[in-house]
Amino acid sequence: QLQLVESGGGLVQPGGSLRLSCAASGFTLDYHTIGWFRQAPGKEREGVSCISSSDGSTYYVDSVKGRFTISRDNAKKTVYLQMNSLKPEDTALYYCAAGWDITTVQAMCIMGPGPYDYWGQGTQVTVSS
């Protein structure tokens, strides 16, 4: 069965940290760009950060630059999103997704869900005091 499973979400105070994991099963991450997306209530799904498989290049949406770090371990078939200095506006359901490396990592993040074939079920991140 081909699937992605996210973990690591939770409730954290502003300024705190979380590390999200996205584990793939049934397929390898080779040749796939992995994206982290988030969706808050009443808002559209947003590409937060993406990482390519070809050269490991990364992209971050402006609102998380300097706070979030994406990384991948192809041997473990896992991608991570380290989130530091969390803010209440980071509260959302976070999804990871995998899609073939068809264009630049920036485009893969900005284009939205279209290029992605596999999605996880999501993990909730809540930033609140």
Foldseek 3Di string as FASTA:
>chain_A
DWAKAKDWADEAAQQAKIKMKIATPPDFQAQKKKWKWWDDPPDDIATAKIFGRPPRDMDGDPVQPPFWDWDDDRVRRMIMIIGGRDDQVVWTWMKMFIAGCPDDRVCVRHVPPVRTDYMYPTDTHGYHD
